[in-house]
Amino acid sequence: MSEEKVQETVQENLDIKVENKPESADSGLLQEVMAKKATIKERDARIAELEAAEEDRRQKQLSDEGKKDELLAEYKAGKEKDRAELDRLRKYEDDEKTSLIASIASDEAEAEELEKEKLSTLRLLKSKIASATPETPTPTARGSVGNQPPPEDWTNMDERTRRKNWGNILKSFKN
């Protein structure tokens, strides 16, 4: 299979994706779109298979022609690229773990214990903690009384406390 066939198949896929869709879609249209998506996925998988087979054939041909040095150079370049990507991903994972541990742990002992856990476990733990404790209470609407405790009886307060809370005492009478 040549590159022309692959390009034609990719172009067909792009043509399918570009089709205009009306705003109100009925179930028949939805089923048709889903069927086309499934077909596109099958074609993409087939293209990936063909590209892998073509690469294997090319590598075998290079090996048979005695051009193993070129093949080795390609492998080394790919290995270096993969190593750089692996290092980048490890750094990202370490940074993510550090930030999650910092947000979860309350002391050094907990932090040391959490460092042994996987990133997915830390994310799950963080989401469980976040869902268990609400961050801030929802504010009441303006003008509503809300959940404020009833004001103390100002007549029973000593003079110092009364002066300190005089603004609140006046507000309670205005409401």
N, C-alpha and C. Protein backbone atom coordinates (compact mmCIF):
# COMPACT_ATOMS: atom_id res chain seq x y z
N MET A 1 0.85 -1.17 0.00
CA MET A 1 0.00 0.00 0.00
C MET A 1 0.90 1.23 0.00
N SER A 2 0.66 2.11 -0.89
CA SER A 2 1.53 3.28 -1.03
C SER A 2 1.00 4.45 -0.21
N GLU A 3 1.80 5.50 -0.19
CA GLU A 3 1.41 6.69 0.55
C GLU A 3 0.19 7.35 -0.06
N GLU A 4 -0.01 7.20 -1.38
CA GLU A 4 -1.16 7.79 -2.04
C GLU A 4 -2.45 7.22 -1.48
N LYS A 5 -2.49 5.90 -1.28
CA LYS A 5 -3.68 5.25 -0.73
C LYS A 5 -3.95 5.76 0.69
N VAL A 6 -2.89 5.88 1.48
CA VAL A 6 -3.03 6.35 2.86
C VAL A 6 -3.55 7.78 2.85
N GLN A 7 -3.00 8.62 1.96
CA GLN A 7 -3.44 10.00 1.88
C GLN A 7 -4.90 10.09 1.43
N GLU A 8 -5.32 9.23 0.50
CA GLU A 8 -6.71 9.22 0.07
C GLU A 8 -7.63 8.85 1.22
N THR A 9 -7.23 7.85 1.99
CA THR A 9 -8.05 7.41 3.12
C THR A 9 -8.13 8.51 4.16
N VAL A 10 -7.03 9.18 4.45
CA VAL A 10 -7.03 10.28 5.41
C VAL A 10 -7.91 11.40 4.90
N GLN A 11 -7.83 11.70 3.59
CA GLN A 11 -8.65 12.76 3.01
C GLN A 11 -10.13 12.40 3.12
N GLU A 12 -10.49 11.14 2.92
CA GLU A 12 -11.88 10.71 3.08
C GLU A 12 -12.33 10.93 4.51
N ASN A 13 -11.46 10.60 5.47
CA ASN A 13 -11.78 10.80 6.88
C ASN A 13 -12.02 12.28 7.18
N LEU A 14 -11.18 13.13 6.60
CA LEU A 14 -11.35 14.57 6.83
C LEU A 14 -12.65 15.06 6.21
N ASP A 15 -12.99 14.54 5.03
CA ASP A 15 -14.23 14.93 4.38
C ASP A 15 -15.43 14.55 5.24
N ILE A 16 -15.39 13.40 5.86
CA ILE A 16 -16.49 12.95 6.70
C ILE A 16 -16.62 13.87 7.92
N LYS A 17 -15.51 14.28 8.51
CA LYS A 17 -15.54 15.11 9.70
C LYS A 17 -16.03 16.52 9.41
N VAL A 18 -15.86 17.00 8.17
CA VAL A 18 -16.18 18.37 7.83
C VAL A 18 -17.65 18.55 7.48
N GLU A 19 -18.38 17.47 7.28
CA GLU A 19 -19.78 17.58 6.90
C GLU A 19 -20.54 18.47 7.86
N ASN A 20 -21.46 19.27 7.32
CA ASN A 20 -22.27 20.15 8.16
C ASN A 20 -23.37 19.34 8.83
N LYS A 21 -23.60 19.65 10.11
CA LYS A 21 -24.63 18.95 10.86
C LYS A 21 -25.72 19.95 11.23
N PRO A 22 -26.98 19.63 11.01
CA PRO A 22 -28.05 20.55 11.40
C PRO A 22 -28.14 20.64 12.92
N GLU A 23 -28.73 21.74 13.40
CA GLU A 23 -28.83 21.98 14.84
C GLU A 23 -29.70 20.94 15.53
N SER A 24 -30.82 20.61 14.95
CA SER A 24 -31.71 19.64 15.59
C SER A 24 -31.49 18.27 14.96
N ALA A 25 -30.82 17.40 15.71
CA ALA A 25 -30.49 16.08 15.19
C ALA A 25 -31.49 15.06 15.71
N ASP A 26 -32.02 14.23 14.82
CA ASP A 26 -32.92 13.18 15.27
C ASP A 26 -32.12 11.91 15.51
N SER A 27 -32.77 10.89 16.00
CA SER A 27 -32.06 9.66 16.36
C SER A 27 -31.44 8.98 15.13
N GLY A 28 -32.08 9.06 13.98
CA GLY A 28 -31.53 8.45 12.77
C GLY A 28 -30.22 9.11 12.36
N LEU A 29 -30.19 10.42 12.45
CA LEU A 29 -28.98 11.15 12.12
C LEU A 29 -27.88 10.85 13.13
N LEU A 30 -28.26 10.77 14.38
CA LEU A 30 -27.29 10.45 15.43
C LEU A 30 -26.69 9.06 15.20
N GLN A 31 -27.52 8.10 14.84
CA GLN A 31 -27.03 6.75 14.57
C GLN A 31 -26.09 6.75 13.37
N GLU A 32 -26.43 7.54 12.37
CA GLU A 32 -25.59 7.62 11.18
C GLU A 32 -24.22 8.21 11.53
N VAL A 33 -24.22 9.26 12.33
CA VAL A 33 -22.96 9.88 12.74
C VAL A 33 -22.13 8.91 13.56
N MET A 34 -22.78 8.19 14.48
CA MET A 34 -22.07 7.22 15.31
C MET A 34 -21.48 6.10 14.44
N ALA A 35 -22.22 5.67 13.42
CA ALA A 35 -21.73 4.64 12.52
C ALA A 35 -20.51 5.15 11.74
N LYS A 36 -20.56 6.42 11.30
CA LYS A 36 -19.42 6.99 10.58
C LYS A 36 -18.21 7.12 11.49
N LYS A 37 -18.45 7.49 12.74
CA LYS A 37 -17.34 7.58 13.69
C LYS A 37 -16.70 6.21 13.88
N ALA A 38 -17.52 5.17 13.99
CA ALA A 38 -16.99 3.82 14.15
C ALA A 38 -16.18 3.42 12.91
N THR A 39 -16.69 3.77 11.74
CA THR A 39 -15.97 3.48 10.50
C THR A 39 -14.63 4.21 10.46
N ILE A 40 -14.63 5.46 10.90
CA ILE A 40 -13.39 6.25 10.93
C ILE A 40 -12.38 5.60 11.87
N LYS A 41 -12.85 5.18 13.03
CA LYS A 41 -11.95 4.54 13.99
C LYS A 41 -11.37 3.25 13.42
N GLU A 42 -12.20 2.47 12.72
CA GLU A 42 -11.72 1.24 12.10
C GLU A 42 -10.67 1.55 11.04
N ARG A 43 -10.92 2.58 10.24
CA ARG A 43 -9.96 2.96 9.20
C ARG A 43 -8.65 3.45 9.81
N ASP A 44 -8.76 4.24 10.87
CA ASP A 44 -7.54 4.72 11.54
C ASP A 44 -6.72 3.55 12.08
N ALA A 45 -7.41 2.57 12.65
CA ALA A 45 -6.71 1.39 13.16
C ALA A 45 -6.05 0.63 12.02
N ARG A 46 -6.75 0.50 10.92
CA ARG A 46 -6.21 -0.20 9.75
C ARG A 46 -5.00 0.54 9.19
N ILE A 47 -5.07 1.86 9.13
CA ILE A 47 -3.95 2.67 8.65
C ILE A 47 -2.73 2.47 9.55
N ALA A 48 -2.96 2.48 10.86
CA ALA A 48 -1.85 2.28 11.80
C ALA A 48 -1.23 0.90 11.60
N GLU A 49 -2.05 -0.12 11.37
CA GLU A 49 -1.53 -1.48 11.10
C GLU A 49 -0.69 -1.49 9.83
N LEU A 50 -1.19 -0.87 8.79
CA LEU A 50 -0.47 -0.84 7.52
C LEU A 50 0.84 -0.07 7.63
N GLU A 51 0.83 1.04 8.37
CA GLU A 51 2.06 1.80 8.54
C GLU A 51 3.09 0.99 9.33
N ALA A 52 2.64 0.26 10.34
CA ALA A 52 3.56 -0.59 11.12
C ALA A 52 4.12 -1.71 10.25
N ALA A 53 3.27 -2.31 9.43
CA ALA A 53 3.73 -3.38 8.54
C ALA A 53 4.72 -2.83 7.52
N GLU A 54 4.44 -1.64 7.00
CA GLU A 54 5.34 -1.01 6.03
C GLU A 54 6.70 -0.71 6.67
N GLU A 55 6.70 -0.24 7.90
CA GLU A 55 7.94 0.05 8.61
C GLU A 55 8.73 -1.24 8.85
N ASP A 56 8.03 -2.31 9.24
CA ASP A 56 8.70 -3.60 9.43
C ASP A 56 9.33 -4.09 8.12
N ARG A 57 8.59 -3.94 7.02
CA ARG A 57 9.10 -4.36 5.73
C ARG A 57 10.33 -3.54 5.34
N ARG A 58 10.30 -2.24 5.59
CA ARG A 58 11.42 -1.37 5.27
C ARG A 58 12.65 -1.73 6.10
N GLN A 59 12.42 -2.01 7.38
CA GLN A 59 13.54 -2.39 8.24
C GLN A 59 14.14 -3.73 7.81
N LYS A 60 13.28 -4.68 7.42
CA LYS A 60 13.78 -5.97 6.95
C LYS A 60 14.58 -5.80 5.67
N GLN A 61 14.09 -4.92 4.79
CA GLN A 61 14.80 -4.67 3.54
C GLN A 61 16.17 -4.05 3.81
N LEU A 62 16.24 -3.09 4.72
CA LEU A 62 17.53 -2.48 5.07
C LEU A 62 18.47 -3.52 5.65
N SER A 63 17.93 -4.39 6.47
CA SER A 63 18.75 -5.44 7.08
C SER A 63 19.27 -6.39 6.02
N ASP A 64 18.41 -6.76 5.08
CA ASP A 64 18.81 -7.68 4.01
C ASP A 64 19.85 -7.05 3.08
N GLU A 65 19.77 -5.74 2.88
CA GLU A 65 20.70 -5.05 1.98
C GLU A 65 22.03 -4.76 2.67
N GLY A 66 22.14 -5.10 3.93
CA GLY A 66 23.40 -4.87 4.64
C GLY A 66 23.54 -3.46 5.16
N LYS A 67 22.48 -2.74 5.27
CA LYS A 67 22.53 -1.36 5.78
C LYS A 67 22.13 -1.34 7.26
N LYS A 68 22.77 -2.19 8.01
CA LYS A 68 22.44 -2.32 9.42
C LYS A 68 22.89 -1.10 10.21
N ASP A 69 23.92 -0.41 9.73
CA ASP A 69 24.38 0.79 10.42
C ASP A 69 23.30 1.87 10.41
N GLU A 70 22.62 2.03 9.28
CA GLU A 70 21.53 3.00 9.19
C GLU A 70 20.39 2.62 10.13
N LEU A 71 20.10 1.34 10.16
CA LEU A 71 19.04 0.83 11.03
C LEU A 71 19.39 1.06 12.50
N LEU A 72 20.64 0.80 12.86
CA LEU A 72 21.08 1.04 14.24
C LEU A 72 21.00 2.52 14.59
N ALA A 73 21.38 3.37 13.66
CA ALA A 73 21.31 4.82 13.90
C ALA A 73 19.86 5.25 14.15
N GLU A 74 18.93 4.69 13.38
CA GLU A 74 17.51 5.00 13.59
C GLU A 74 17.04 4.54 14.96
N TYR A 75 17.44 3.33 15.35
CA TYR A 75 17.05 2.81 16.66
C TYR A 75 17.61 3.68 17.78
N LYS A 76 18.87 4.10 17.64
CA LYS A 76 19.48 4.93 18.68
C LYS A 76 18.79 6.28 18.78
N ALA A 77 18.47 6.87 17.63
CA ALA A 77 17.77 8.16 17.64
C ALA A 77 16.40 8.01 18.31
N GLY A 78 15.71 6.94 17.99
CA GLY A 78 14.41 6.70 18.61
C GLY A 78 14.52 6.46 20.10
N LYS A 79 15.57 5.76 20.48
CA LYS A 79 15.79 5.47 21.91
C LYS A 79 16.07 6.76 22.68
N GLU A 80 16.86 7.64 22.11
CA GLU A 80 17.16 8.92 22.76
C GLU A 80 15.90 9.77 22.89
N LYS A 81 15.10 9.76 21.84
CA LYS A 81 13.85 10.52 21.87
C LYS A 81 12.93 9.97 22.96
N ASP A 82 12.84 8.65 23.03
CA ASP A 82 12.00 8.02 24.05
C ASP A 82 12.53 8.29 25.45
N ARG A 83 13.84 8.28 25.61
CA ARG A 83 14.43 8.54 26.92
C ARG A 83 14.13 9.97 27.37
N ALA A 84 14.23 10.93 26.46
CA ALA A 84 13.93 12.33 26.79
C ALA A 84 12.46 12.48 27.20
N GLU A 85 11.59 11.82 26.47
CA GLU A 85 10.16 11.87 26.80
C GLU A 85 9.89 11.21 28.14
N LEU A 86 10.55 10.10 28.42
CA LEU A 86 10.39 9.42 29.70
C LEU A 86 10.86 10.30 30.85
N ASP A 87 11.99 10.97 30.68
CA ASP A 87 12.49 11.87 31.71
C ASP A 87 11.51 13.01 31.97
N ARG A 88 10.96 13.56 30.89
CA ARG A 88 9.99 14.65 31.02
C ARG A 88 8.75 14.18 31.78
N LEU A 89 8.25 13.01 31.45
CA LEU A 89 7.07 12.49 32.12
C LEU A 89 7.34 12.14 33.58
N ARG A 90 8.53 11.62 33.87
CA ARG A 90 8.88 11.32 35.27
C ARG A 90 8.95 12.60 36.08
N LYS A 91 9.52 13.66 35.51
CA LYS A 91 9.60 14.94 36.21
C LYS A 91 8.19 15.48 36.47
N TYR A 92 7.32 15.39 35.47
CA TYR A 92 5.94 15.83 35.63
C TYR A 92 5.25 15.06 36.75
N GLU A 93 5.43 13.74 36.76
CA GLU A 93 4.81 12.91 37.78
C GLU A 93 5.34 13.25 39.17
N ASP A 94 6.64 13.47 39.28
CA ASP A 94 7.23 13.84 40.57
C ASP A 94 6.68 15.19 41.05
N ASP A 95 6.60 16.15 40.14
CA ASP A 95 6.05 17.47 40.52
C ASP A 95 4.60 17.36 40.96
N GLU A 96 3.84 16.58 40.22
CA GLU A 96 2.41 16.39 40.55
C GLU A 96 2.26 15.72 41.91
N LYS A 97 3.06 14.68 42.16
CA LYS A 97 3.01 14.00 43.46
C LYS A 97 3.38 14.95 44.58
N THR A 98 4.40 15.75 44.37
CA THR A 98 4.84 16.70 45.40
C THR A 98 3.73 17.69 45.74
N SER A 99 3.07 18.22 44.72
CA SER A 99 2.00 19.19 44.99
C SER A 99 0.80 18.53 45.66
N LEU A 100 0.47 17.30 45.26
CA LEU A 100 -0.64 16.60 45.90
C LEU A 100 -0.32 16.28 47.36
N ILE A 101 0.90 15.82 47.61
CA ILE A 101 1.29 15.49 48.98
C ILE A 101 1.27 16.75 49.84
N ALA A 102 1.74 17.85 49.30
CA ALA A 102 1.74 19.10 50.05
C ALA A 102 0.32 19.55 50.40
N SER A 103 -0.62 19.29 49.52
CA SER A 103 -1.99 19.71 49.79
C SER A 103 -2.73 18.73 50.72
N ILE A 104 -2.26 17.49 50.80
CA ILE A 104 -2.94 16.48 51.62
C ILE A 104 -2.33 16.37 53.00
N ALA A 105 -1.00 16.26 53.06
CA ALA A 105 -0.32 15.95 54.32
C ALA A 105 -0.33 17.14 55.27
N SER A 106 -0.47 16.83 56.55
CA SER A 106 -0.47 17.89 57.55
C SER A 106 0.87 17.97 58.28
N ASP A 107 1.70 16.94 58.21
CA ASP A 107 3.01 16.98 58.83
C ASP A 107 4.00 16.14 58.03
N GLU A 108 5.25 16.16 58.46
CA GLU A 108 6.32 15.45 57.74
C GLU A 108 6.12 13.94 57.71
N ALA A 109 5.63 13.37 58.79
CA ALA A 109 5.45 11.92 58.84
C ALA A 109 4.42 11.46 57.82
N GLU A 110 3.33 12.20 57.71
CA GLU A 110 2.31 11.87 56.70
C GLU A 110 2.88 12.03 55.30
N ALA A 111 3.66 13.08 55.09
CA ALA A 111 4.23 13.32 53.77
C ALA A 111 5.16 12.18 53.37
N GLU A 112 5.97 11.70 54.30
CA GLU A 112 6.87 10.59 54.00
C GLU A 112 6.10 9.33 53.68
N GLU A 113 5.00 9.11 54.39
CA GLU A 113 4.18 7.93 54.15
C GLU A 113 3.48 8.01 52.79
N LEU A 114 3.02 9.21 52.44
CA LEU A 114 2.31 9.39 51.16
C LEU A 114 3.25 9.32 49.95
N GLU A 115 4.53 9.58 50.14
CA GLU A 115 5.49 9.53 49.03
C GLU A 115 5.58 8.12 48.43
N LYS A 116 5.21 7.11 49.19
CA LYS A 116 5.28 5.73 48.72
C LYS A 116 4.11 5.37 47.80
N GLU A 117 3.06 6.20 47.82
CA GLU A 117 1.85 5.89 47.06
C GLU A 117 2.00 6.30 45.59
N LYS A 118 1.15 5.69 44.75
CA LYS A 118 1.12 6.02 43.33
C LYS A 118 0.40 7.35 43.13
N LEU A 119 0.62 7.95 41.97
CA LEU A 119 -0.01 9.22 41.63
C LEU A 119 -1.53 9.08 41.59
N SER A 120 -2.03 8.00 41.02
CA SER A 120 -3.48 7.80 40.93
C SER A 120 -4.10 7.68 42.32
N THR A 121 -3.41 7.03 43.24
CA THR A 121 -3.91 6.90 44.61
C THR A 121 -3.97 8.26 45.28
N LEU A 122 -2.94 9.07 45.07
CA LEU A 122 -2.92 10.41 45.66
C LEU A 122 -4.05 11.28 45.11
N ARG A 123 -4.29 11.18 43.81
CA ARG A 123 -5.39 11.96 43.21
C ARG A 123 -6.73 11.52 43.78
N LEU A 124 -6.92 10.22 43.93
CA LEU A 124 -8.16 9.71 44.50
C LEU A 124 -8.33 10.19 45.94
N LEU A 125 -7.27 10.14 46.71
CA LEU A 125 -7.30 10.59 48.09
C LEU A 125 -7.64 12.07 48.17
N LYS A 126 -7.04 12.87 47.31
CA LYS A 126 -7.30 14.31 47.29
C LYS A 126 -8.76 14.58 46.94
N SER A 127 -9.31 13.86 45.97
CA SER A 127 -10.71 14.08 45.60
C SER A 127 -11.66 13.64 46.71
N LYS A 128 -11.31 12.56 47.41
CA LYS A 128 -12.14 12.11 48.53
C LYS A 128 -12.14 13.14 49.65
N ILE A 129 -10.98 13.69 49.95
CA ILE A 129 -10.88 14.71 50.99
C ILE A 129 -11.66 15.96 50.58
N ALA A 130 -11.52 16.35 49.32
CA ALA A 130 -12.21 17.55 48.84
C ALA A 130 -13.72 17.37 48.87
N SER A 131 -14.21 16.19 48.56
CA SER A 131 -15.66 15.97 48.57
C SER A 131 -16.19 15.79 49.98
N ALA A 132 -15.35 15.37 50.92
CA ALA A 132 -15.80 15.16 52.29
C ALA A 132 -15.91 16.47 53.06
N THR A 133 -15.05 17.42 52.77
CA THR A 133 -15.08 18.69 53.49
C THR A 133 -15.40 19.81 52.52
N PRO A 134 -16.51 20.52 52.75
CA PRO A 134 -16.80 21.65 51.88
C PRO A 134 -15.80 22.77 52.13
N GLU A 135 -15.37 23.41 51.05
CA GLU A 135 -14.33 24.43 51.17
C GLU A 135 -14.86 25.69 51.85
N THR A 136 -15.94 26.24 51.37
CA THR A 136 -16.51 27.43 51.98
C THR A 136 -18.02 27.28 52.02
N PRO A 137 -18.66 27.81 53.05
CA PRO A 137 -20.11 27.74 53.07
C PRO A 137 -20.68 28.64 51.99
N THR A 138 -21.82 28.26 51.48
CA THR A 138 -22.43 29.07 50.43
C THR A 138 -22.94 30.36 51.05
N PRO A 139 -22.65 31.46 50.42
CA PRO A 139 -23.08 32.74 50.99
C PRO A 139 -24.59 32.90 50.84
N THR A 140 -25.17 33.60 51.79
CA THR A 140 -26.60 33.85 51.73
C THR A 140 -26.85 35.01 50.79
N ALA A 141 -28.06 35.10 50.32
CA ALA A 141 -28.42 36.17 49.41
C ALA A 141 -28.43 37.50 50.16
N ARG A 142 -28.17 38.56 49.45
CA ARG A 142 -28.17 39.88 50.08
C ARG A 142 -29.55 40.19 50.63
N GLY A 143 -29.54 40.72 51.81
CA GLY A 143 -30.80 41.10 52.43
C GLY A 143 -31.43 39.99 53.23
N SER A 144 -30.91 38.78 53.14
CA SER A 144 -31.50 37.69 53.91
C SER A 144 -30.82 37.63 55.27
N VAL A 145 -31.51 37.04 56.21
CA VAL A 145 -31.00 36.98 57.57
C VAL A 145 -29.89 35.96 57.67
N GLY A 146 -29.99 34.84 57.00
CA GLY A 146 -28.95 33.83 57.01
C GLY A 146 -28.95 33.02 58.30
N ASN A 147 -27.84 32.39 58.59
CA ASN A 147 -27.73 31.52 59.75
C ASN A 147 -26.99 32.21 60.89
N GLN A 148 -27.28 33.46 61.12
CA GLN A 148 -26.61 34.18 62.18
C GLN A 148 -27.23 33.82 63.52
N PRO A 149 -26.40 33.70 64.55
CA PRO A 149 -26.97 33.40 65.87
C PRO A 149 -27.77 34.60 66.37
N PRO A 150 -28.77 34.33 67.17
CA PRO A 150 -29.55 35.46 67.68
C PRO A 150 -28.68 36.35 68.56
N PRO A 151 -28.89 37.65 68.48
CA PRO A 151 -28.05 38.55 69.27
C PRO A 151 -28.31 38.35 70.77
N GLU A 152 -27.24 38.59 71.53
CA GLU A 152 -27.37 38.48 72.98
C GLU A 152 -28.25 39.62 73.48
N ASP A 153 -28.83 39.41 74.61
CA ASP A 153 -29.64 40.46 75.21
C ASP A 153 -28.70 41.55 75.70
N TRP A 154 -28.80 42.73 75.10
CA TRP A 154 -27.87 43.80 75.40
C TRP A 154 -28.05 44.36 76.80
N THR A 155 -29.20 44.10 77.37
CA THR A 155 -29.43 44.63 78.72
C THR A 155 -28.66 43.85 79.77
N ASN A 156 -28.29 42.59 79.45
CA ASN A 156 -27.56 41.78 80.41
C ASN A 156 -26.04 41.87 80.22
N MET A 157 -25.58 42.58 79.15
CA MET A 157 -24.14 42.70 78.88
C MET A 157 -23.52 43.72 79.81
N ASP A 158 -22.23 43.49 80.11
CA ASP A 158 -21.51 44.52 80.85
C ASP A 158 -21.18 45.66 79.90
N GLU A 159 -20.82 46.79 80.43
CA GLU A 159 -20.64 48.00 79.64
C GLU A 159 -19.56 47.84 78.57
N ARG A 160 -18.49 47.16 78.89
CA ARG A 160 -17.37 46.97 77.96
C ARG A 160 -17.81 46.15 76.75
N THR A 161 -18.50 45.03 76.97
CA THR A 161 -18.99 44.18 75.88
C THR A 161 -20.03 44.92 75.06
N ARG A 162 -20.89 45.70 75.74
CA ARG A 162 -21.93 46.46 75.04
C ARG A 162 -21.29 47.47 74.09
N ARG A 163 -20.24 48.16 74.53
CA ARG A 163 -19.55 49.12 73.65
C ARG A 163 -18.91 48.40 72.46
N LYS A 164 -18.33 47.24 72.74
CA LYS A 164 -17.66 46.47 71.69
C LYS A 164 -18.65 46.02 70.62
N ASN A 165 -19.83 45.62 71.01
CA ASN A 165 -20.83 45.07 70.09
C ASN A 165 -21.94 46.06 69.75
N TRP A 166 -21.74 47.35 70.00
CA TRP A 166 -22.80 48.33 69.80
C TRP A 166 -23.30 48.37 68.36
N GLY A 167 -22.40 48.22 67.38
CA GLY A 167 -22.82 48.20 65.97
C GLY A 167 -23.76 47.04 65.69
N ASN A 168 -23.45 45.87 66.21
CA ASN A 168 -24.32 44.70 66.00
C ASN A 168 -25.65 44.87 66.72
N ILE A 169 -25.63 45.50 67.89
CA ILE A 169 -26.88 45.74 68.63
C ILE A 169 -27.79 46.66 67.84
N LEU A 170 -27.21 47.71 67.26
CA LEU A 170 -28.01 48.63 66.45
C LEU A 170 -28.56 47.93 65.21
N LYS A 171 -27.73 47.10 64.57
CA LYS A 171 -28.19 46.37 63.38
C LYS A 171 -29.37 45.47 63.71
N SER A 172 -29.32 44.83 64.87
CA SER A 172 -30.42 43.92 65.23
C SER A 172 -31.73 44.68 65.40
N PHE A 173 -31.67 45.93 65.85
CA PHE A 173 -32.89 46.73 66.01
C PHE A 173 -33.37 47.25 64.66
N LYS A 174 -32.45 47.49 63.73
CA LYS A 174 -32.84 47.98 62.41
C LYS A 174 -33.55 46.90 61.60
N ASN A 175 -33.17 45.64 61.84
CA ASN A 175 -33.80 44.54 61.10
C ASN A 175 -35.16 44.34 61.67
